[in-house]
């Protein structure tokens, strides 16, 4: 399993308004091949949003990252940051990760 972290400048709605506005997108992301789960992130003060994702394998993660980067760029967003990490499943299990 691999973890993908994405964040970018975000000036749109947050909280309940964001949840309602992006509900269809969330349902679409949930169907992505190889996705195990996503946590949506937002920070009103720093005007940032993004997500933490867990994928089954690198090809699925890379395909999603390419597609999602293009999607976010199509909204006029620049400075999209992404990082990929291996997950230490044994230690994560001890600390209650939902894997």
PDB file of N, CA and C in Angstrom:
ATOM      1  N   UNK A   1       0.840  -1.186   0.000  1.00  0.00           N
ATOM      2  CA  UNK A   1       0.000   0.000   0.000  1.00  0.00           C
ATOM      3  C   UNK A   1       0.879   1.241   0.000  1.00  0.00           C
ATOM      4  N   UNK A   2       0.343   2.271  -0.640  1.00  0.00           N
ATOM      5  CA  UNK A   2       1.055   3.540  -0.752  1.00  0.00           C
ATOM      6  C   UNK A   2       0.156   4.689  -0.342  1.00  0.00           C
ATOM      7  N   UNK A   3       0.773   5.728   0.189  1.00  0.00           N
ATOM      8  CA  UNK A   3       0.049   6.925   0.600  1.00  0.00           C
ATOM      9  C   UNK A   3       0.396   8.054  -0.356  1.00  0.00           C
ATOM     10  N   UNK A   4      -0.604   8.792  -0.772  1.00  0.00           N
ATOM     11  CA  UNK A   4      -0.441   9.966  -1.615  1.00  0.00           C
ATOM     12  C   UNK A   4      -0.968  11.168  -0.852  1.00  0.00           C
ATOM     13  N   UNK A   5      -0.144  12.200  -0.776  1.00  0.00           N
ATOM     14  CA  UNK A   5      -0.539  13.461  -0.138  1.00  0.00           C
ATOM     15  C   UNK A   5      -0.583  14.530  -1.222  1.00  0.00           C
ATOM     16  N   UNK A   6      -1.704  15.211  -1.351  1.00  0.00           N
ATOM     17  CA  UNK A   6      -1.860  16.299  -2.318  1.00  0.00           C
ATOM     18  C   UNK A   6      -2.399  17.518  -1.581  1.00  0.00           C
ATOM     19  N   UNK A   7      -1.843  18.686  -1.890  1.00  0.00           N
ATOM     20  CA  UNK A   7      -2.447  19.921  -1.401  1.00  0.00           C
ATOM     21  C   UNK A   7      -2.174  21.032  -2.404  1.00  0.00           C
ATOM     22  N   UNK A   8      -3.011  22.058  -2.336  1.00  0.00           N
ATOM     23  CA  UNK A   8      -2.927  23.152  -3.296  1.00  0.00           C
ATOM     24  C   UNK A   8      -3.663  24.360  -2.724  1.00  0.00           C
ATOM     25  N   UNK A   9      -3.366  25.560  -3.266  1.00  0.00           N
ATOM     26  CA  UNK A   9      -4.106  26.744  -2.832  1.00  0.00           C
ATOM     27  C   UNK A   9      -5.586  26.570  -3.155  1.00  0.00           C
ATOM     28  N   UNK A  10      -6.436  26.985  -2.226  1.00  0.00           N
ATOM     29  CA  UNK A  10      -7.873  26.778  -2.395  1.00  0.00           C
ATOM     30  C   UNK A  10      -8.627  27.940  -1.766  1.00  0.00           C
ATOM     31  N   UNK A  11      -9.453  28.596  -2.573  1.00  0.00           N
ATOM     32  CA  UNK A  11     -10.184  29.777  -2.111  1.00  0.00           C
ATOM     33  C   UNK A  11     -11.693  29.573  -2.128  1.00  0.00           C
ATOM     34  N   UNK A  12     -12.117  28.333  -2.241  1.00  0.00           N
ATOM     35  CA  UNK A  12     -13.540  28.027  -2.303  1.00  0.00           C
ATOM     36  C   UNK A  12     -14.146  27.789  -0.928  1.00  0.00           C
ATOM     37  N   UNK A  13     -15.355  27.259  -0.937  1.00  0.00           N
ATOM     38  CA  UNK A  13     -16.063  27.000   0.318  1.00  0.00           C
ATOM     39  C   UNK A  13     -15.405  25.867   1.103  1.00  0.00           C
ATOM     40  N   UNK A  14     -15.634  25.869   2.403  1.00  0.00           N
ATOM     41  CA  UNK A  14     -15.125  24.823   3.289  1.00  0.00           C
ATOM     42  C   UNK A  14     -16.283  24.282   4.128  1.00  0.00           C
ATOM     43  N   UNK A  15     -15.973  23.314   4.966  1.00  0.00           N
ATOM     44  CA  UNK A  15     -16.976  22.769   5.880  1.00  0.00           C
ATOM     45  C   UNK A  15     -18.163  22.170   5.157  1.00  0.00           C
ATOM     46  N   UNK A  16     -19.356  22.421   5.683  1.00  0.00           N
ATOM     47  CA  UNK A  16     -20.585  21.862   5.128  1.00  0.00           C
ATOM     48  C   UNK A  16     -20.813  22.294   3.685  1.00  0.00           C
ATOM     49  N   UNK A  17     -20.500  23.542   3.398  1.00  0.00           N
ATOM     50  CA  UNK A  17     -20.688  24.048   2.034  1.00  0.00           C
ATOM     51  C   UNK A  17     -19.790  23.293   1.046  1.00  0.00           C
ATOM     52  N   UNK A  18     -18.560  23.019   1.447  1.00  0.00           N
ATOM     53  CA  UNK A  18     -17.648  22.244   0.608  1.00  0.00           C
ATOM     54  C   UNK A  18     -18.163  20.816   0.464  1.00  0.00           C
ATOM     55  N   UNK A  19     -18.614  20.233   1.568  1.00  0.00           N
ATOM     56  CA  UNK A  19     -19.117  18.858   1.545  1.00  0.00           C
ATOM     57  C   UNK A  19     -20.282  18.716   0.572  1.00  0.00           C
ATOM     58  N   UNK A  20     -21.161  19.677   0.567  1.00  0.00           N
ATOM     59  CA  UNK A  20     -22.305  19.627  -0.345  1.00  0.00           C
ATOM     60  C   UNK A  20     -21.865  19.871  -1.785  1.00  0.00           C
ATOM     61  N   UNK A  21     -20.985  20.833  -1.982  1.00  0.00           N
ATOM     62  CA  UNK A  21     -20.554  21.190  -3.324  1.00  0.00           C
ATOM     63  C   UNK A  21     -19.726  20.124  -4.028  1.00  0.00           C
ATOM     64  N   UNK A  22     -18.997  19.333  -3.257  1.00  0.00           N
ATOM     65  CA  UNK A  22     -18.104  18.331  -3.840  1.00  0.00           C
ATOM     66  C   UNK A  22     -18.579  16.893  -3.630  1.00  0.00           C
ATOM     67  N   UNK A  23     -19.841  16.735  -3.256  1.00  0.00           N
ATOM     68  CA  UNK A  23     -20.382  15.400  -3.004  1.00  0.00           C
ATOM     69  C   UNK A  23     -20.281  14.503  -4.237  1.00  0.00           C
ATOM     70  N   UNK A  24     -20.633  15.018  -5.407  1.00  0.00           N
ATOM     71  CA  UNK A  24     -20.557  14.210  -6.625  1.00  0.00           C
ATOM     72  C   UNK A  24     -19.117  13.837  -6.947  1.00  0.00           C
ATOM     73  N   UNK A  25     -18.192  14.768  -6.745  1.00  0.00           N
ATOM     74  CA  UNK A  25     -16.778  14.479  -6.972  1.00  0.00           C
ATOM     75  C   UNK A  25     -16.308  13.401  -6.013  1.00  0.00           C
ATOM     76  N   UNK A  26     -16.726  13.455  -4.769  1.00  0.00           N
ATOM     77  CA  UNK A  26     -16.338  12.439  -3.785  1.00  0.00           C
ATOM     78  C   UNK A  26     -16.813  11.054  -4.209  1.00  0.00           C
ATOM     79  N   UNK A  27     -18.034  10.976  -4.717  1.00  0.00           N
ATOM     80  CA  UNK A  27     -18.553   9.686  -5.186  1.00  0.00           C
ATOM     81  C   UNK A  27     -17.747   9.175  -6.381  1.00  0.00           C
ATOM     82  N   UNK A  28     -17.331  10.093  -7.242  1.00  0.00           N
ATOM     83  CA  UNK A  28     -16.518   9.721  -8.394  1.00  0.00           C
ATOM     84  C   UNK A  28     -15.145   9.218  -7.950  1.00  0.00           C
ATOM     85  N   UNK A  29     -14.508   9.933  -7.027  1.00  0.00           N
ATOM     86  CA  UNK A  29     -13.191   9.525  -6.526  1.00  0.00           C
ATOM     87  C   UNK A  29     -13.278   8.165  -5.847  1.00  0.00           C
ATOM     88  N   UNK A  30     -14.351   7.911  -5.147  1.00  0.00           N
ATOM     89  CA  UNK A  30     -14.514   6.630  -4.446  1.00  0.00           C
ATOM     90  C   UNK A  30     -14.488   5.440  -5.399  1.00  0.00           C
ATOM     91  N   UNK A  31     -14.776   5.669  -6.669  1.00  0.00           N
ATOM     92  CA  UNK A  31     -14.794   4.597  -7.659  1.00  0.00           C
ATOM     93  C   UNK A  31     -13.459   4.415  -8.375  1.00  0.00           C
ATOM     94  N   UNK A  32     -12.458   5.232  -8.044  1.00  0.00           N
ATOM     95  CA  UNK A  32     -11.173   5.147  -8.734  1.00  0.00           C
ATOM     96  C   UNK A  32     -10.503   3.799  -8.477  1.00  0.00           C
ATOM     97  N   UNK A  33      -9.979   3.229  -9.533  1.00  0.00           N
ATOM     98  CA  UNK A  33      -9.307   1.933  -9.424  1.00  0.00           C
ATOM     99  C   UNK A  33      -8.108   2.026  -8.490  1.00  0.00           C
ATOM    100  N   UNK A  34      -8.023   1.079  -7.573  1.00  0.00           N
ATOM    101  CA  UNK A  34      -6.890   0.999  -6.664  1.00  0.00           C
ATOM    102  C   UNK A  34      -6.985   1.864  -5.428  1.00  0.00           C
ATOM    103  N   UNK A  35      -7.991   2.748  -5.349  1.00  0.00           N
ATOM    104  CA  UNK A  35      -8.142   3.604  -4.167  1.00  0.00           C
ATOM    105  C   UNK A  35      -8.710   2.787  -3.018  1.00  0.00           C
ATOM    106  N   UNK A  36      -8.059   2.869  -1.863  1.00  0.00           N
ATOM    107  CA  UNK A  36      -8.567   2.219  -0.659  1.00  0.00           C
ATOM    108  C   UNK A  36      -9.401   3.219   0.133  1.00  0.00           C
ATOM    109  N   UNK A  37      -8.859   4.414   0.347  1.00  0.00           N
ATOM    110  CA  UNK A  37      -9.629   5.480   0.980  1.00  0.00           C
ATOM    111  C   UNK A  37      -8.968   6.828   0.765  1.00  0.00           C
ATOM    112  N   UNK A  38      -9.736   7.884   1.011  1.00  0.00           N
ATOM    113  CA  UNK A  38      -9.251   9.259   0.936  1.00  0.00           C
ATOM    114  C   UNK A  38      -9.760  10.024   2.143  1.00  0.00           C
ATOM    115  N   UNK A  39      -8.905  10.856   2.690  1.00  0.00           N
ATOM    116  CA  UNK A  39      -9.301  11.845   3.697  1.00  0.00           C
ATOM    117  C   UNK A  39      -9.198  13.214   3.028  1.00  0.00           C
ATOM    118  N   UNK A  40     -10.272  13.962   3.048  1.00  0.00           N
ATOM    119  CA  UNK A  40     -10.281  15.308   2.474  1.00  0.00           C
ATOM    120  C   UNK A  40      -9.702  16.281   3.501  1.00  0.00           C
ATOM    121  N   UNK A  41      -8.844  17.192   3.047  1.00  0.00           N
ATOM    122  CA  UNK A  41      -8.235  18.168   3.946  1.00  0.00           C
ATOM    123  C   UNK A  41      -8.597  19.576   3.504  1.00  0.00           C
ATOM    124  N   UNK A  42      -8.720  20.457   4.481  1.00  0.00           N
ATOM    125  CA  UNK A  42      -8.990  21.869   4.199  1.00  0.00           C
ATOM    126  C   UNK A  42      -8.444  22.715   5.343  1.00  0.00           C
ATOM    127  N   UNK A  43      -7.974  23.908   5.003  1.00  0.00           N
ATOM    128  CA  UNK A  43      -7.491  24.847   6.005  1.00  0.00           C
ATOM    129  C   UNK A  43      -7.957  26.233   5.594  1.00  0.00           C
ATOM    130  N   UNK A  44      -8.966  26.734   6.284  1.00  0.00           N
ATOM    131  CA  UNK A  44      -9.539  28.042   5.954  1.00  0.00           C
ATOM    132  C   UNK A  44      -8.521  29.157   6.107  1.00  0.00           C
ATOM    133  N   UNK A  45      -7.717  29.083   7.164  1.00  0.00           N
ATOM    134  CA  UNK A  45      -6.768  30.166   7.457  1.00  0.00           C
ATOM    135  C   UNK A  45      -5.673  30.292   6.414  1.00  0.00           C
ATOM    136  N   UNK A  46      -5.123  29.170   5.963  1.00  0.00           N
ATOM    137  CA  UNK A  46      -4.028  29.215   4.993  1.00  0.00           C
ATOM    138  C   UNK A  46      -4.512  29.098   3.554  1.00  0.00           C
ATOM    139  N   UNK A  47      -5.839  28.948   3.372  1.00  0.00           N
ATOM    140  CA  UNK A  47      -6.436  28.828   2.041  1.00  0.00           C
ATOM    141  C   UNK A  47      -5.815  27.670   1.265  1.00  0.00           C
ATOM    142  N   UNK A  48      -5.867  26.469   1.874  1.00  0.00           N
ATOM    143  CA  UNK A  48      -5.350  25.265   1.246  1.00  0.00           C
ATOM    144  C   UNK A  48      -6.376  24.148   1.357  1.00  0.00           C
ATOM    145  N   UNK A  49      -6.313  23.231   0.412  1.00  0.00           N
ATOM    146  CA  UNK A  49      -7.147  22.025   0.459  1.00  0.00           C
ATOM    147  C   UNK A  49      -6.386  20.910  -0.229  1.00  0.00           C
ATOM    148  N   UNK A  50      -6.904  19.715  -0.097  1.00  0.00           N
ATOM    149  CA  UNK A  50      -6.263  18.575  -0.736  1.00  0.00           C
ATOM    150  C   UNK A  50      -6.780  17.290  -0.142  1.00  0.00           C
ATOM    151  N   UNK A  51      -5.864  16.318  -0.034  1.00  0.00           N
ATOM    152  CA  UNK A  51      -6.281  15.047   0.511  1.00  0.00           C
ATOM    153  C   UNK A  51      -5.120  14.125   0.813  1.00  0.00           C
ATOM    154  N   UNK A  52      -5.435  13.143   1.621  1.00  0.00           N
ATOM    155  CA  UNK A  52      -4.532  12.042   1.936  1.00  0.00           C
ATOM    156  C   UNK A  52      -5.213  10.793   1.406  1.00  0.00           C
ATOM    157  N   UNK A  53      -4.521  10.056   0.552  1.00  0.00           N
ATOM    158  CA  UNK A  53      -5.084   8.899  -0.127  1.00  0.00           C
ATOM    159  C   UNK A  53      -4.257   7.662   0.177  1.00  0.00           C
ATOM    160  N   UNK A  54      -4.890   6.527   0.206  1.00  0.00           N
ATOM    161  CA  UNK A  54      -4.173   5.254   0.267  1.00  0.00           C
ATOM    162  C   UNK A  54      -4.589   4.452  -0.964  1.00  0.00           C
ATOM    163  N   UNK A  55      -3.575   3.977  -1.692  1.00  0.00           N
ATOM    164  CA  UNK A  55      -3.788   3.188  -2.909  1.00  0.00           C
ATOM    165  C   UNK A  55      -3.188   1.804  -2.751  1.00  0.00           C
ATOM    166  N   UNK A  56      -3.745   0.864  -3.489  1.00  0.00           N
ATOM    167  CA  UNK A  56      -3.276  -0.521  -3.470  1.00  0.00           C
ATOM    168  C   UNK A  56      -1.897  -0.667  -4.094  1.00  0.00           C
ATOM    169  N   UNK A  57      -1.611   0.130  -5.138  1.00  0.00           N
ATOM    170  CA  UNK A  57      -0.352  -0.059  -5.865  1.00  0.00           C
ATOM    171  C   UNK A  57       0.058   1.227  -6.560  1.00  0.00           C
ATOM    172  N   UNK A  58       1.312   1.259  -6.998  1.00  0.00           N
ATOM    173  CA  UNK A  58       1.869   2.457  -7.622  1.00  0.00           C
ATOM    174  C   UNK A  58       1.232   2.794  -8.972  1.00  0.00           C
ATOM    175  N   UNK A  59       0.980   1.829  -9.856  1.00  0.00           N
ATOM    176  CA  UNK A  59       0.339   2.212 -11.123  1.00  0.00           C
ATOM    177  C   UNK A  59      -1.016   2.906 -10.927  1.00  0.00           C
ATOM    178  N   UNK A  60      -1.831   2.424 -10.002  1.00  0.00           N
ATOM    179  CA  UNK A  60      -3.131   3.050  -9.739  1.00  0.00           C
ATOM    180  C   UNK A  60      -2.934   4.453  -9.169  1.00  0.00           C
ATOM    181  N   UNK A  61      -1.990   4.594  -8.251  1.00  0.00           N
ATOM    182  CA  UNK A  61      -1.709   5.898  -7.648  1.00  0.00           C
ATOM    183  C   UNK A  61      -1.233   6.881  -8.714  1.00  0.00           C
ATOM    184  N   UNK A  62      -0.292   6.466  -9.540  1.00  0.00           N
ATOM    185  CA  UNK A  62       0.256   7.369 -10.559  1.00  0.00           C
ATOM    186  C   UNK A  62      -0.805   7.766 -11.587  1.00  0.00           C
ATOM    187  N   UNK A  63      -1.663   6.832 -11.962  1.00  0.00           N
ATOM    188  CA  UNK A  63      -2.742   7.153 -12.905  1.00  0.00           C
ATOM    189  C   UNK A  63      -3.693   8.177 -12.293  1.00  0.00           C
ATOM    190  N   UNK A  64      -4.041   7.980 -11.027  1.00  0.00           N
ATOM    191  CA  UNK A  64      -4.933   8.924 -10.350  1.00  0.00           C
ATOM    192  C   UNK A  64      -4.261  10.285 -10.220  1.00  0.00           C
ATOM    193  N   UNK A  65      -3.006  10.308  -9.800  1.00  0.00           N
ATOM    194  CA  UNK A  65      -2.302  11.569  -9.600  1.00  0.00           C
ATOM    195  C   UNK A  65      -2.245  12.370 -10.896  1.00  0.00           C
ATOM    196  N   UNK A  66      -1.960  11.718 -12.004  1.00  0.00           N
ATOM    197  CA  UNK A  66      -1.914  12.400 -13.297  1.00  0.00           C
ATOM    198  C   UNK A  66      -3.284  12.974 -13.652  1.00  0.00           C
ATOM    199  N   UNK A  67      -4.324  12.152 -13.538  1.00  0.00           N
ATOM    200  CA  UNK A  67      -5.675  12.595 -13.870  1.00  0.00           C
ATOM    201  C   UNK A  67      -6.125  13.729 -12.948  1.00  0.00           C
ATOM    202  N   UNK A  68      -5.888  13.571 -11.645  1.00  0.00           N
ATOM    203  CA  UNK A  68      -6.367  14.567 -10.676  1.00  0.00           C
ATOM    204  C   UNK A  68      -5.620  15.884 -10.821  1.00  0.00           C
ATOM    205  N   UNK A  69      -4.319  15.816 -11.080  1.00  0.00           N
ATOM    206  CA  UNK A  69      -3.548  17.041 -11.286  1.00  0.00           C
ATOM    207  C   UNK A  69      -4.113  17.814 -12.472  1.00  0.00           C
ATOM    208  N   UNK A  70      -4.389  17.130 -13.560  1.00  0.00           N
ATOM    209  CA  UNK A  70      -4.972  17.788 -14.734  1.00  0.00           C
ATOM    210  C   UNK A  70      -6.343  18.366 -14.417  1.00  0.00           C
ATOM    211  N   UNK A  71      -7.140  17.648 -13.631  1.00  0.00           N
ATOM    212  CA  UNK A  71      -8.473  18.131 -13.258  1.00  0.00           C
ATOM    213  C   UNK A  71      -8.364  19.408 -12.431  1.00  0.00           C
ATOM    214  N   UNK A  72      -7.505  19.404 -11.434  1.00  0.00           N
ATOM    215  CA  UNK A  72      -7.359  20.586 -10.574  1.00  0.00           C
ATOM    216  C   UNK A  72      -6.799  21.760 -11.385  1.00  0.00           C
ATOM    217  N   UNK A  73      -5.855  21.494 -12.275  1.00  0.00           N
ATOM    218  CA  UNK A  73      -5.313  22.551 -13.127  1.00  0.00           C
ATOM    219  C   UNK A  73      -6.393  23.133 -14.031  1.00  0.00           C
ATOM    220  N   UNK A  74      -7.347  22.309 -14.458  1.00  0.00           N
ATOM    221  CA  UNK A  74      -8.423  22.800 -15.325  1.00  0.00           C
ATOM    222  C   UNK A  74      -9.319  23.803 -14.599  1.00  0.00           C
ATOM    223  N   UNK A  75      -9.264  23.805 -13.269  1.00  0.00           N
ATOM    224  CA  UNK A  75     -10.005  24.783 -12.470  1.00  0.00           C
ATOM    225  C   UNK A  75      -9.199  26.065 -12.277  1.00  0.00           C
ATOM    226  N   UNK A  76      -7.998  26.125 -12.887  1.00  0.00           N
ATOM    227  CA  UNK A  76      -7.145  27.301 -12.769  1.00  0.00           C
ATOM    228  C   UNK A  76      -6.198  27.266 -11.587  1.00  0.00           C
ATOM    229  N   UNK A  77      -6.101  26.132 -10.924  1.00  0.00           N
ATOM    230  CA  UNK A  77      -5.240  26.011  -9.744  1.00  0.00           C
ATOM    231  C   UNK A  77      -3.815  25.695 -10.185  1.00  0.00           C
ATOM    232  N   UNK A  78      -2.864  26.403  -9.600  1.00  0.00           N
ATOM    233  CA  UNK A  78      -1.450  26.121  -9.820  1.00  0.00           C
ATOM    234  C   UNK A  78      -0.821  25.789  -8.473  1.00  0.00           C
ATOM    235  N   UNK A  79       0.432  25.483  -8.470  1.00  0.00           N
ATOM    236  CA  UNK A  79       1.176  25.149  -7.251  1.00  0.00           C
ATOM    237  C   UNK A  79       0.578  23.934  -6.543  1.00  0.00           C
ATOM    238  N   UNK A  80       0.290  22.904  -7.323  1.00  0.00           N
ATOM    239  CA  UNK A  80      -0.223  21.644  -6.780  1.00  0.00           C
ATOM    240  C   UNK A  80       0.962  20.835  -6.283  1.00  0.00           C
ATOM    241  N   UNK A  81       0.930  20.460  -5.030  1.00  0.00           N
ATOM    242  CA  UNK A  81       2.029  19.705  -4.425  1.00  0.00           C
ATOM    243  C   UNK A  81       1.575  18.283  -4.146  1.00  0.00           C
ATOM    244  N   UNK A  82       2.433  17.334  -4.486  1.00  0.00           N
ATOM    245  CA  UNK A  82       2.110  15.936  -4.205  1.00  0.00           C
ATOM    246  C   UNK A  82       3.349  15.218  -3.703  1.00  0.00           C
ATOM    247  N   UNK A  83       3.114  14.256  -2.825  1.00  0.00           N
ATOM    248  CA  UNK A  83       4.182  13.423  -2.284  1.00  0.00           C
ATOM    249  C   UNK A  83       3.663  12.001  -2.166  1.00  0.00           C
ATOM    250  N   UNK A  84       4.546  11.053  -2.430  1.00  0.00           N
ATOM    251  CA  UNK A  84       4.193   9.638  -2.360  1.00  0.00           C
ATOM    252  C   UNK A  84       5.049   8.981  -1.279  1.00  0.00           C
ATOM    253  N   UNK A  85       4.409   8.171  -0.444  1.00  0.00           N
ATOM    254  CA  UNK A  85       5.099   7.486   0.641  1.00  0.00           C
ATOM    255  C   UNK A  85       4.725   6.003   0.646  1.00  0.00           C
ATOM    256  N   UNK A  86       5.671   5.167   1.011  1.00  0.00           N
ATOM    257  CA  UNK A  86       5.355   3.782   1.364  1.00  0.00           C
ATOM    258  C   UNK A  86       4.717   3.799   2.746  1.00  0.00           C
ATOM    259  N   UNK A  87       3.880   2.825   3.032  1.00  0.00           N
ATOM    260  CA  UNK A  87       3.246   2.716   4.345  1.00  0.00           C
ATOM    261  C   UNK A  87       3.872   1.546   5.086  1.00  0.00           C
ATOM    262  N   UNK A  88       4.324   1.787   6.301  1.00  0.00           N
ATOM    263  CA  UNK A  88       4.789   0.705   7.160  1.00  0.00           C
ATOM    264  C   UNK A  88       3.542   0.143   7.843  1.00  0.00           C
ATOM    265  N   UNK A  89       3.027  -0.937   7.284  1.00  0.00           N
ATOM    266  CA  UNK A  89       1.747  -1.475   7.741  1.00  0.00           C
ATOM    267  C   UNK A  89       1.807  -2.032   9.154  1.00  0.00           C
ATOM    268  N   UNK A  90       2.917  -2.641   9.543  1.00  0.00           N
ATOM    269  CA  UNK A  90       3.008  -3.212  10.893  1.00  0.00           C
ATOM    270  C   UNK A  90       2.953  -2.123  11.957  1.00  0.00           C
ATOM    271  N   UNK A  91       3.730  -1.067  11.785  1.00  0.00           N
ATOM    272  CA  UNK A  91       3.703   0.020  12.768  1.00  0.00           C
ATOM    273  C   UNK A  91       2.375   0.778  12.708  1.00  0.00           C
ATOM    274  N   UNK A  92       1.847   0.945  11.507  1.00  0.00           N
ATOM    275  CA  UNK A  92       0.568   1.651  11.366  1.00  0.00           C
ATOM    276  C   UNK A  92      -0.567   0.887  12.049  1.00  0.00           C
ATOM    277  N   UNK A  93      -0.524  -0.441  12.005  1.00  0.00           N
ATOM    278  CA  UNK A  93      -1.550  -1.248  12.688  1.00  0.00           C
ATOM    279  C   UNK A  93      -1.501  -1.005  14.196  1.00  0.00           C
ATOM    280  N   UNK A  94      -0.306  -0.900  14.734  1.00  0.00           N
ATOM    281  CA  UNK A  94      -0.159  -0.657  16.172  1.00  0.00           C
ATOM    282  C   UNK A  94      -0.784   0.685  16.554  1.00  0.00           C
ATOM    283  N   UNK A  95      -0.625   1.663  15.688  1.00  0.00           N
ATOM    284  CA  UNK A  95      -1.146   2.993  16.000  1.00  0.00           C
ATOM    285  C   UNK A  95      -2.540   3.239  15.413  1.00  0.00           C
ATOM    286  N   UNK A  96      -3.267   2.164  15.139  1.00  0.00           N
ATOM    287  CA  UNK A  96      -4.685   2.178  14.789  1.00  0.00           C
ATOM    288  C   UNK A  96      -5.012   2.759  13.414  1.00  0.00           C
ATOM    289  N   UNK A  97      -4.092   2.688  12.468  1.00  0.00           N
ATOM    290  CA  UNK A  97      -4.397   3.155  11.110  1.00  0.00           C
ATOM    291  C   UNK A  97      -5.492   2.288  10.500  1.00  0.00           C
ATOM    292  N   UNK A  98      -6.404   2.893   9.764  1.00  0.00           N
ATOM    293  CA  UNK A  98      -7.505   2.124   9.166  1.00  0.00           C
ATOM    294  C   UNK A  98      -7.079   1.427   7.875  1.00  0.00           C
ATOM    295  N   UNK A  99      -6.168   0.471   8.004  1.00  0.00           N
ATOM    296  CA  UNK A  99      -5.650  -0.185   6.791  1.00  0.00           C
ATOM    297  C   UNK A  99      -6.278  -1.540   6.619  1.00  0.00           C
TER     298      UNK A  99
END
